[in-house]
Amino acid sequence: MHESGKDGKGSLLVLVERKTRYPFLAYLEDRSNQNVNRLVEELLKGLPIKSLTLDNDISFQKHEELSELLEATIFFCHPQSPHEKGTVENRNKAIRRYLPKKCDLSKYSKEYISEVERKLRTNFMKCLKYKTPEESFKKEISKSKLKKPLIHGMLVEVLKTNESVLLEGSV
C-alpha cells in the first residue's frame, strides 16, 4: 500500500495478478480491516481468485474474513522480505511515476487514479511477450470454464479452481 506523506491523508491499495501483471488500484481514506476487506472484495468480485499473497500490514489482521469473502487462500510474506512479492513491488515502482513517494494521495482525484490504473493495464510488457496486462488478463479469464448450475433457485457461478487467478497484494 502506498502511504501519503506525513502531512497527507490516505493510502493506495494495490493488487496485481501475478501471471498477467494486471493491476487493481483503489484509494483508501480509512485503512481499517473492515474497509480494506470490503474494498478488496469489491475489486475482485466475480473473478476466479485462488489465492492472495499479502504483506504483513496491520490492515490485513482480519485475513480470515477476507479469505471467506473471496473463497481464496491467503498467504503472507515474511517480514522485511519485499522480494517475496516482486510483482507488486515492480508495479509500485511504476505507480510512483504518477504518484510520487510521500505525496498527499487525498489531493488526487478518483479519475486520476483510474487513469494511472488504465495506463498500467495498457502498457506493453516484455515479460508478457509485448502484450498488455489487459490483453493477458482477458485471455486468462476467458480460459476459465464457466458453469451455471441452479441451486435452490439461485444462479451460482462455479469456476475450475485449477485455472484460477493468483493475486499479490500490497497495502
N, C-alpha and C. Protein backbone atom coordinates (compact mmCIF):
# COMPACT_ATOMS: atom_id res chain seq x y z
N MET A 1 0.85 -1.17 0.00
CA MET A 1 0.00 0.00 0.00
C MET A 1 0.89 1.22 0.00
N HIS A 2 0.56 2.16 -0.82
CA HIS A 2 1.25 3.44 -0.83
C HIS A 2 0.65 4.31 0.25
N GLU A 3 1.48 4.98 0.99
CA GLU A 3 1.04 5.88 2.05
C GLU A 3 1.24 7.32 1.61
N SER A 4 0.36 8.20 2.10
CA SER A 4 0.58 9.62 1.90
C SER A 4 1.75 10.05 2.77
N GLY A 5 2.33 11.21 2.44
CA GLY A 5 3.39 11.76 3.27
C GLY A 5 2.87 12.10 4.65
N LYS A 6 3.74 12.56 5.55
CA LYS A 6 3.34 12.77 6.94
C LYS A 6 2.23 13.80 7.10
N ASP A 7 2.10 14.75 6.19
CA ASP A 7 1.03 15.74 6.27
C ASP A 7 -0.17 15.36 5.41
N GLY A 8 -0.08 14.27 4.68
CA GLY A 8 -1.15 13.87 3.77
C GLY A 8 -2.11 12.89 4.40
N LYS A 9 -3.12 12.56 3.62
CA LYS A 9 -4.14 11.61 4.06
C LYS A 9 -4.25 10.49 3.03
N GLY A 10 -4.61 9.32 3.54
CA GLY A 10 -4.96 8.22 2.65
C GLY A 10 -3.84 7.29 2.27
N SER A 11 -4.26 6.19 1.65
CA SER A 11 -3.37 5.15 1.16
C SER A 11 -3.90 4.66 -0.17
N LEU A 12 -3.07 3.97 -0.89
CA LEU A 12 -3.47 3.40 -2.17
C LEU A 12 -3.34 1.88 -2.07
N LEU A 13 -4.46 1.20 -2.21
CA LEU A 13 -4.46 -0.26 -2.22
C LEU A 13 -4.05 -0.71 -3.61
N VAL A 14 -3.06 -1.60 -3.68
CA VAL A 14 -2.54 -2.09 -4.95
C VAL A 14 -2.61 -3.61 -4.94
N LEU A 15 -3.36 -4.17 -5.89
CA LEU A 15 -3.42 -5.61 -6.10
C LEU A 15 -2.95 -5.88 -7.52
N VAL A 16 -2.16 -6.93 -7.69
CA VAL A 16 -1.64 -7.25 -9.01
C VAL A 16 -1.78 -8.75 -9.25
N GLU A 17 -2.39 -9.11 -10.37
CA GLU A 17 -2.49 -10.52 -10.74
C GLU A 17 -1.10 -10.96 -11.17
N ARG A 18 -0.63 -12.03 -10.60
CA ARG A 18 0.76 -12.45 -10.74
C ARG A 18 1.15 -12.83 -12.16
N LYS A 19 0.36 -13.60 -12.83
CA LYS A 19 0.73 -14.12 -14.15
C LYS A 19 0.64 -13.06 -15.25
N THR A 20 -0.39 -12.23 -15.20
CA THR A 20 -0.65 -11.27 -16.27
C THR A 20 -0.23 -9.84 -15.93
N ARG A 21 0.19 -9.60 -14.69
CA ARG A 21 0.60 -8.27 -14.20
C ARG A 21 -0.55 -7.25 -14.22
N TYR A 22 -1.78 -7.75 -14.21
CA TYR A 22 -2.96 -6.88 -14.28
C TYR A 22 -3.18 -6.21 -12.92
N PRO A 23 -3.15 -4.86 -12.85
CA PRO A 23 -3.26 -4.17 -11.57
C PRO A 23 -4.68 -3.71 -11.23
N PHE A 24 -4.93 -3.61 -9.95
CA PHE A 24 -6.15 -3.02 -9.40
C PHE A 24 -5.68 -1.95 -8.40
N LEU A 25 -6.10 -0.71 -8.59
CA LEU A 25 -5.73 0.37 -7.69
C LEU A 25 -6.98 0.98 -7.08
N ALA A 26 -6.91 1.33 -5.80
CA ALA A 26 -8.05 1.99 -5.15
C ALA A 26 -7.54 2.86 -4.01
N TYR A 27 -8.07 4.06 -3.93
CA TYR A 27 -7.72 4.99 -2.85
C TYR A 27 -8.47 4.60 -1.58
N LEU A 28 -7.77 4.63 -0.47
CA LEU A 28 -8.36 4.33 0.84
C LEU A 28 -8.12 5.51 1.77
N GLU A 29 -9.19 6.05 2.30
CA GLU A 29 -9.02 7.08 3.32
C GLU A 29 -8.91 6.42 4.69
N ASP A 30 -9.65 5.33 4.85
CA ASP A 30 -9.73 4.60 6.12
C ASP A 30 -9.11 3.22 5.92
N ARG A 31 -8.03 2.92 6.64
CA ARG A 31 -7.33 1.64 6.50
C ARG A 31 -7.79 0.60 7.50
N SER A 32 -9.00 0.74 8.00
CA SER A 32 -9.50 -0.26 8.95
C SER A 32 -9.62 -1.61 8.25
N ASN A 33 -9.54 -2.69 9.04
CA ASN A 33 -9.63 -4.03 8.49
C ASN A 33 -10.90 -4.22 7.68
N GLN A 34 -12.02 -3.76 8.22
CA GLN A 34 -13.31 -3.91 7.54
C GLN A 34 -13.31 -3.19 6.21
N ASN A 35 -12.80 -1.98 6.18
CA ASN A 35 -12.80 -1.19 4.95
C ASN A 35 -11.89 -1.82 3.89
N VAL A 36 -10.71 -2.29 4.31
CA VAL A 36 -9.79 -2.93 3.38
C VAL A 36 -10.42 -4.20 2.81
N ASN A 37 -10.99 -5.04 3.67
CA ASN A 37 -11.63 -6.27 3.22
C ASN A 37 -12.78 -5.99 2.26
N ARG A 38 -13.60 -4.98 2.59
CA ARG A 38 -14.72 -4.61 1.73
C ARG A 38 -14.23 -4.16 0.35
N LEU A 39 -13.19 -3.36 0.35
CA LEU A 39 -12.67 -2.84 -0.91
C LEU A 39 -12.03 -3.94 -1.76
N VAL A 40 -11.28 -4.84 -1.13
CA VAL A 40 -10.69 -5.95 -1.87
C VAL A 40 -11.79 -6.82 -2.47
N GLU A 41 -12.81 -7.10 -1.68
CA GLU A 41 -13.94 -7.90 -2.19
C GLU A 41 -14.61 -7.19 -3.37
N GLU A 42 -14.80 -5.89 -3.24
CA GLU A 42 -15.43 -5.09 -4.30
C GLU A 42 -14.60 -5.14 -5.59
N LEU A 43 -13.28 -5.01 -5.47
CA LEU A 43 -12.40 -5.01 -6.63
C LEU A 43 -12.35 -6.36 -7.33
N LEU A 44 -12.45 -7.44 -6.55
CA LEU A 44 -12.24 -8.77 -7.10
C LEU A 44 -13.52 -9.58 -7.27
N LYS A 45 -14.65 -8.97 -6.99
CA LYS A 45 -15.92 -9.68 -7.05
C LYS A 45 -16.13 -10.30 -8.43
N GLY A 46 -16.48 -11.58 -8.43
CA GLY A 46 -16.77 -12.28 -9.68
C GLY A 46 -15.55 -12.85 -10.39
N LEU A 47 -14.35 -12.58 -9.87
CA LEU A 47 -13.15 -13.12 -10.50
C LEU A 47 -12.78 -14.45 -9.85
N PRO A 48 -12.23 -15.37 -10.62
CA PRO A 48 -11.86 -16.68 -10.08
C PRO A 48 -10.54 -16.63 -9.30
N ILE A 49 -10.59 -16.09 -8.09
CA ILE A 49 -9.39 -15.92 -7.27
C ILE A 49 -9.07 -17.21 -6.54
N LYS A 50 -7.83 -17.64 -6.65
CA LYS A 50 -7.39 -18.85 -5.96
C LYS A 50 -6.64 -18.49 -4.67
N SER A 51 -5.80 -17.45 -4.73
CA SER A 51 -5.05 -17.07 -3.55
C SER A 51 -4.64 -15.60 -3.62
N LEU A 52 -4.32 -15.07 -2.46
CA LEU A 52 -3.76 -13.72 -2.32
C LEU A 52 -2.48 -13.85 -1.52
N THR A 53 -1.46 -13.15 -1.93
CA THR A 53 -0.23 -13.07 -1.14
C THR A 53 -0.13 -11.64 -0.65
N LEU A 54 -0.12 -11.47 0.67
CA LEU A 54 -0.16 -10.15 1.27
C LEU A 54 1.10 -9.87 2.06
N ASP A 55 1.37 -8.58 2.28
CA ASP A 55 2.44 -8.24 3.20
C ASP A 55 1.87 -8.24 4.62
N ASN A 56 2.69 -7.96 5.59
CA ASN A 56 2.27 -8.06 6.99
C ASN A 56 1.70 -6.76 7.52
N ASP A 57 0.99 -6.03 6.71
CA ASP A 57 0.39 -4.77 7.12
C ASP A 57 -0.73 -5.02 8.13
N ILE A 58 -0.88 -4.11 9.07
CA ILE A 58 -1.91 -4.23 10.10
C ILE A 58 -3.32 -4.24 9.50
N SER A 59 -3.48 -3.70 8.31
CA SER A 59 -4.78 -3.67 7.63
C SER A 59 -5.29 -5.06 7.28
N PHE A 60 -4.41 -6.05 7.32
CA PHE A 60 -4.80 -7.42 6.95
C PHE A 60 -4.95 -8.33 8.17
N GLN A 61 -5.16 -7.75 9.35
CA GLN A 61 -5.34 -8.57 10.55
C GLN A 61 -6.55 -9.49 10.44
N LYS A 62 -7.58 -9.07 9.76
CA LYS A 62 -8.80 -9.87 9.61
C LYS A 62 -8.76 -10.67 8.30
N HIS A 63 -7.62 -11.28 8.03
CA HIS A 63 -7.43 -12.00 6.77
C HIS A 63 -8.32 -13.24 6.68
N GLU A 64 -8.73 -13.80 7.82
CA GLU A 64 -9.63 -14.96 7.77
C GLU A 64 -10.96 -14.57 7.13
N GLU A 65 -11.46 -13.39 7.50
CA GLU A 65 -12.71 -12.90 6.92
C GLU A 65 -12.54 -12.65 5.42
N LEU A 66 -11.41 -12.08 5.04
CA LEU A 66 -11.14 -11.82 3.63
C LEU A 66 -11.07 -13.13 2.85
N SER A 67 -10.45 -14.13 3.44
CA SER A 67 -10.35 -15.44 2.81
C SER A 67 -11.75 -16.03 2.56
N GLU A 68 -12.63 -15.88 3.54
CA GLU A 68 -14.01 -16.37 3.39
C GLU A 68 -14.77 -15.57 2.35
N LEU A 69 -14.61 -14.25 2.36
CA LEU A 69 -15.31 -13.40 1.39
C LEU A 69 -14.94 -13.77 -0.05
N LEU A 70 -13.66 -14.02 -0.28
CA LEU A 70 -13.18 -14.30 -1.63
C LEU A 70 -13.14 -15.79 -1.96
N GLU A 71 -13.34 -16.62 -0.93
CA GLU A 71 -13.19 -18.06 -1.08
C GLU A 71 -11.83 -18.38 -1.68
N ALA A 72 -10.80 -17.77 -1.09
CA ALA A 72 -9.42 -17.91 -1.57
C ALA A 72 -8.48 -18.11 -0.39
N THR A 73 -7.37 -18.75 -0.65
CA THR A 73 -6.34 -18.94 0.36
C THR A 73 -5.52 -17.67 0.49
N ILE A 74 -5.18 -17.31 1.72
CA ILE A 74 -4.37 -16.13 1.97
C ILE A 74 -2.98 -16.57 2.41
N PHE A 75 -1.96 -16.01 1.77
CA PHE A 75 -0.58 -16.25 2.15
C PHE A 75 0.03 -14.93 2.59
N PHE A 76 1.04 -14.99 3.45
CA PHE A 76 1.75 -13.80 3.88
C PHE A 76 3.23 -13.92 3.56
N CYS A 77 3.83 -12.78 3.23
CA CYS A 77 5.27 -12.73 3.04
C CYS A 77 5.94 -12.67 4.41
N HIS A 78 7.20 -13.02 4.45
CA HIS A 78 7.96 -12.86 5.68
C HIS A 78 8.22 -11.38 5.91
N PRO A 79 8.32 -10.95 7.17
CA PRO A 79 8.63 -9.54 7.44
C PRO A 79 9.95 -9.13 6.78
N GLN A 80 10.00 -7.91 6.30
CA GLN A 80 11.18 -7.34 5.66
C GLN A 80 11.65 -8.16 4.45
N SER A 81 10.70 -8.74 3.70
CA SER A 81 11.05 -9.56 2.54
C SER A 81 10.25 -9.15 1.31
N PRO A 82 10.48 -7.93 0.80
CA PRO A 82 9.71 -7.49 -0.37
C PRO A 82 9.96 -8.33 -1.61
N HIS A 83 11.09 -9.04 -1.67
CA HIS A 83 11.38 -9.88 -2.83
C HIS A 83 10.38 -11.02 -2.97
N GLU A 84 9.65 -11.34 -1.90
CA GLU A 84 8.65 -12.41 -1.96
C GLU A 84 7.37 -11.97 -2.67
N LYS A 85 7.23 -10.70 -2.92
CA LYS A 85 6.10 -10.18 -3.69
C LYS A 85 6.62 -9.19 -4.73
N GLY A 86 7.54 -9.69 -5.52
CA GLY A 86 8.23 -8.85 -6.50
C GLY A 86 7.32 -8.23 -7.55
N THR A 87 6.28 -8.95 -7.95
CA THR A 87 5.38 -8.41 -8.98
C THR A 87 4.72 -7.12 -8.52
N VAL A 88 4.19 -7.12 -7.30
CA VAL A 88 3.51 -5.92 -6.81
C VAL A 88 4.53 -4.82 -6.51
N GLU A 89 5.73 -5.18 -6.08
CA GLU A 89 6.77 -4.16 -5.85
C GLU A 89 7.15 -3.49 -7.17
N ASN A 90 7.22 -4.27 -8.25
CA ASN A 90 7.51 -3.71 -9.56
C ASN A 90 6.40 -2.75 -10.00
N ARG A 91 5.15 -3.12 -9.78
CA ARG A 91 4.03 -2.25 -10.14
C ARG A 91 4.04 -0.99 -9.27
N ASN A 92 4.41 -1.13 -8.00
CA ASN A 92 4.51 0.04 -7.13
C ASN A 92 5.52 1.04 -7.68
N LYS A 93 6.63 0.53 -8.19
CA LYS A 93 7.64 1.40 -8.79
C LYS A 93 7.05 2.15 -9.99
N ALA A 94 6.27 1.46 -10.81
CA ALA A 94 5.64 2.10 -11.97
C ALA A 94 4.61 3.15 -11.52
N ILE A 95 3.89 2.87 -10.44
CA ILE A 95 2.88 3.80 -9.92
C ILE A 95 3.55 5.09 -9.45
N ARG A 96 4.76 4.99 -8.93
CA ARG A 96 5.46 6.18 -8.40
C ARG A 96 5.81 7.19 -9.50
N ARG A 97 5.74 6.79 -10.75
CA ARG A 97 5.93 7.76 -11.84
C ARG A 97 4.80 8.78 -11.83
N TYR A 98 3.63 8.33 -11.40
CA TYR A 98 2.43 9.17 -11.43
C TYR A 98 2.04 9.69 -10.04
N LEU A 99 2.37 8.93 -9.01
CA LEU A 99 2.05 9.28 -7.63
C LEU A 99 3.33 9.17 -6.81
N PRO A 100 4.11 10.24 -6.74
CA PRO A 100 5.42 10.17 -6.08
C PRO A 100 5.33 9.75 -4.61
N LYS A 101 6.41 9.19 -4.13
CA LYS A 101 6.51 8.79 -2.73
C LYS A 101 6.27 10.01 -1.83
N LYS A 102 5.57 9.80 -0.75
CA LYS A 102 5.29 10.80 0.28
C LYS A 102 4.41 11.95 -0.21
N CYS A 103 3.72 11.76 -1.34
CA CYS A 103 2.78 12.79 -1.80
C CYS A 103 1.49 12.65 -0.99
N ASP A 104 0.66 13.66 -1.02
CA ASP A 104 -0.64 13.60 -0.35
C ASP A 104 -1.63 12.97 -1.33
N LEU A 105 -1.94 11.70 -1.11
CA LEU A 105 -2.81 10.97 -2.04
C LEU A 105 -4.23 11.53 -2.08
N SER A 106 -4.66 12.20 -1.02
CA SER A 106 -6.01 12.75 -1.00
C SER A 106 -6.18 13.88 -2.01
N LYS A 107 -5.08 14.42 -2.51
CA LYS A 107 -5.13 15.51 -3.49
C LYS A 107 -5.40 15.01 -4.91
N TYR A 108 -5.30 13.70 -5.11
CA TYR A 108 -5.52 13.13 -6.44
C TYR A 108 -6.96 12.64 -6.56
N SER A 109 -7.58 12.92 -7.69
CA SER A 109 -8.97 12.52 -7.91
C SER A 109 -9.06 11.02 -8.21
N LYS A 110 -10.28 10.48 -8.04
CA LYS A 110 -10.52 9.08 -8.41
C LYS A 110 -10.26 8.87 -9.90
N GLU A 111 -10.60 9.88 -10.69
CA GLU A 111 -10.39 9.80 -12.13
C GLU A 111 -8.90 9.68 -12.45
N TYR A 112 -8.07 10.44 -11.74
CA TYR A 112 -6.63 10.39 -11.98
C TYR A 112 -6.08 9.01 -11.61
N ILE A 113 -6.51 8.47 -10.47
CA ILE A 113 -6.07 7.14 -10.04
C ILE A 113 -6.54 6.09 -11.04
N SER A 114 -7.77 6.24 -11.54
CA SER A 114 -8.28 5.33 -12.58
C SER A 114 -7.45 5.42 -13.85
N GLU A 115 -7.00 6.62 -14.19
CA GLU A 115 -6.18 6.83 -15.37
C GLU A 115 -4.81 6.15 -15.20
N VAL A 116 -4.23 6.25 -14.00
CA VAL A 116 -2.96 5.57 -13.71
C VAL A 116 -3.16 4.05 -13.86
N GLU A 117 -4.26 3.55 -13.30
CA GLU A 117 -4.58 2.12 -13.41
C GLU A 117 -4.72 1.71 -14.88
N ARG A 118 -5.42 2.52 -15.67
CA ARG A 118 -5.61 2.23 -17.09
C ARG A 118 -4.26 2.20 -17.83
N LYS A 119 -3.38 3.17 -17.52
CA LYS A 119 -2.06 3.20 -18.16
C LYS A 119 -1.26 1.94 -17.84
N LEU A 120 -1.32 1.50 -16.59
CA LEU A 120 -0.59 0.29 -16.21
C LEU A 120 -1.18 -0.95 -16.88
N ARG A 121 -2.48 -0.96 -17.07
CA ARG A 121 -3.14 -2.10 -17.70
C ARG A 121 -2.90 -2.18 -19.20
N THR A 122 -2.60 -1.04 -19.83
CA THR A 122 -2.48 -1.00 -21.29
C THR A 122 -1.05 -0.78 -21.77
N ASN A 123 -0.08 -0.89 -20.87
CA ASN A 123 1.32 -0.72 -21.22
C ASN A 123 1.89 -2.07 -21.70
N PHE A 124 2.50 -2.09 -22.87
CA PHE A 124 3.09 -3.32 -23.39
C PHE A 124 4.26 -3.72 -22.50
N MET A 125 4.38 -5.03 -22.22
CA MET A 125 5.42 -5.51 -21.33
C MET A 125 6.21 -6.65 -21.99
N LYS A 126 7.52 -6.56 -21.90
CA LYS A 126 8.40 -7.59 -22.47
C LYS A 126 8.10 -8.95 -21.85
N CYS A 127 7.89 -9.00 -20.51
CA CYS A 127 7.64 -10.28 -19.82
C CYS A 127 6.34 -10.93 -20.26
N LEU A 128 5.46 -10.18 -20.91
CA LEU A 128 4.20 -10.70 -21.45
C LEU A 128 4.29 -10.88 -22.97
N LYS A 129 5.51 -10.98 -23.48
CA LYS A 129 5.75 -11.11 -24.92
C LYS A 129 5.13 -9.94 -25.69
N TYR A 130 5.32 -8.76 -25.14
CA TYR A 130 4.87 -7.50 -25.73
C TYR A 130 3.36 -7.40 -25.88
N LYS A 131 2.66 -8.06 -24.98
CA LYS A 131 1.21 -7.87 -24.85
C LYS A 131 0.99 -6.96 -23.65
N THR A 132 -0.22 -6.48 -23.52
CA THR A 132 -0.55 -5.65 -22.37
C THR A 132 -1.10 -6.54 -21.25
N PRO A 133 -1.02 -6.09 -19.99
CA PRO A 133 -1.65 -6.84 -18.91
C PRO A 133 -3.15 -7.05 -19.17
N GLU A 134 -3.79 -6.06 -19.77
CA GLU A 134 -5.22 -6.18 -20.07
C GLU A 134 -5.50 -7.32 -21.04
N GLU A 135 -4.73 -7.41 -22.12
CA GLU A 135 -4.90 -8.49 -23.09
C GLU A 135 -4.66 -9.85 -22.44
N SER A 136 -3.59 -9.93 -21.65
CA SER A 136 -3.23 -11.19 -21.00
C SER A 136 -4.27 -11.61 -19.98
N PHE A 137 -4.78 -10.64 -19.22
CA PHE A 137 -5.79 -10.93 -18.19
C PHE A 137 -7.08 -11.42 -18.82
N LYS A 138 -7.53 -10.76 -19.88
CA LYS A 138 -8.76 -11.18 -20.57
C LYS A 138 -8.61 -12.59 -21.12
N LYS A 139 -7.44 -12.91 -21.64
CA LYS A 139 -7.20 -14.25 -22.17
C LYS A 139 -7.25 -15.29 -21.05
N GLU A 140 -6.66 -14.99 -19.89
CA GLU A 140 -6.68 -15.91 -18.76
C GLU A 140 -8.10 -16.13 -18.23
N ILE A 141 -8.86 -15.04 -18.12
CA ILE A 141 -10.23 -15.14 -17.63
C ILE A 141 -11.08 -15.95 -18.60
N SER A 142 -10.87 -15.76 -19.90
CA SER A 142 -11.68 -16.49 -20.88
C SER A 142 -11.37 -17.99 -20.85
N LYS A 143 -10.21 -18.38 -20.33
CA LYS A 143 -9.86 -19.80 -20.21
C LYS A 143 -10.72 -20.51 -19.16
N SER A 144 -11.19 -19.74 -18.18
CA SER A 144 -12.00 -20.34 -17.11
C SER A 144 -13.31 -20.83 -17.70
N LYS A 145 -13.60 -22.06 -17.45
CA LYS A 145 -14.86 -22.64 -17.93
C LYS A 145 -15.96 -22.29 -16.94
N LEU A 146 -16.92 -21.52 -17.37
CA LEU A 146 -17.99 -21.05 -16.51
C LEU A 146 -19.21 -21.95 -16.64
N LYS A 147 -19.64 -22.49 -15.51
CA LYS A 147 -20.85 -23.31 -15.47
C LYS A 147 -21.82 -22.61 -14.55
N LYS A 148 -23.12 -22.70 -14.83
CA LYS A 148 -24.12 -22.01 -14.03
C LYS A 148 -25.21 -22.96 -13.56
N PRO A 149 -24.91 -23.80 -12.57
CA PRO A 149 -25.95 -24.70 -12.06
C PRO A 149 -26.92 -23.95 -11.16
N LEU A 150 -28.16 -24.38 -11.14
CA LEU A 150 -29.15 -23.78 -10.25
C LEU A 150 -29.16 -24.54 -8.93
N ILE A 151 -28.98 -23.82 -7.85
CA ILE A 151 -29.03 -24.40 -6.52
C ILE A 151 -30.07 -23.62 -5.74
N HIS A 152 -31.15 -24.30 -5.33
CA HIS A 152 -32.24 -23.65 -4.58
C HIS A 152 -32.74 -22.41 -5.30
N GLY A 153 -32.84 -22.49 -6.61
CA GLY A 153 -33.39 -21.38 -7.39
C GLY A 153 -32.43 -20.22 -7.61
N MET A 154 -31.20 -20.32 -7.08
CA MET A 154 -30.24 -19.23 -7.24
C MET A 154 -29.24 -19.60 -8.33
N LEU A 155 -28.84 -18.62 -9.11
CA LEU A 155 -27.83 -18.82 -10.14
C LEU A 155 -26.46 -18.70 -9.47
N VAL A 156 -25.64 -19.74 -9.55
CA VAL A 156 -24.34 -19.76 -8.90
C VAL A 156 -23.27 -19.99 -9.96
N GLU A 157 -22.22 -19.21 -9.92
CA GLU A 157 -21.12 -19.37 -10.86
C GLU A 157 -20.08 -20.30 -10.24
N VAL A 158 -19.70 -21.33 -10.97
CA VAL A 158 -18.68 -22.27 -10.50
C VAL A 158 -17.53 -22.23 -11.49
N LEU A 159 -16.33 -21.96 -11.01
CA LEU A 159 -15.16 -21.88 -11.87
C LEU A 159 -14.17 -22.97 -11.51
N LYS A 160 -13.49 -23.51 -12.49
CA LYS A 160 -12.48 -24.53 -12.23
C LYS A 160 -11.34 -23.90 -11.44
N THR A 161 -11.04 -24.43 -10.26
CA THR A 161 -10.01 -23.81 -9.42
C THR A 161 -8.61 -23.95 -9.98
N ASN A 162 -8.36 -24.95 -10.80
CA ASN A 162 -7.01 -25.10 -11.34
C ASN A 162 -6.67 -24.03 -12.38
N GLU A 163 -7.65 -23.24 -12.81
CA GLU A 163 -7.38 -22.15 -13.75
C GLU A 163 -7.70 -20.81 -13.11
N SER A 164 -7.65 -20.75 -11.79
CA SER A 164 -7.96 -19.52 -11.08
C SER A 164 -6.83 -18.51 -11.18
N VAL A 165 -7.16 -17.28 -10.85
CA VAL A 165 -6.23 -16.18 -10.91
C VAL A 165 -5.51 -16.05 -9.58
N LEU A 166 -4.21 -15.81 -9.62
CA LEU A 166 -3.42 -15.59 -8.42
C LEU A 166 -3.12 -14.10 -8.30
N LEU A 167 -3.26 -13.55 -7.12
CA LEU A 167 -3.00 -12.13 -6.92
C LEU A 167 -1.99 -11.92 -5.82
N GLU A 168 -1.22 -10.87 -5.97
CA GLU A 168 -0.36 -10.40 -4.90
C GLU A 168 -0.96 -9.09 -4.45
N GLY A 169 -0.90 -8.81 -3.17
CA GLY A 169 -1.47 -7.57 -2.66
C GLY A 169 -0.46 -6.79 -1.87
N SER A 170 -0.61 -5.49 -1.90
CA SER A 170 0.26 -4.62 -1.12
C SER A 170 -0.57 -3.49 -0.58
N VAL A 171 -0.47 -3.28 0.71
CA VAL A 171 -1.17 -2.16 1.33
C VAL A 171 -0.17 -1.26 1.98
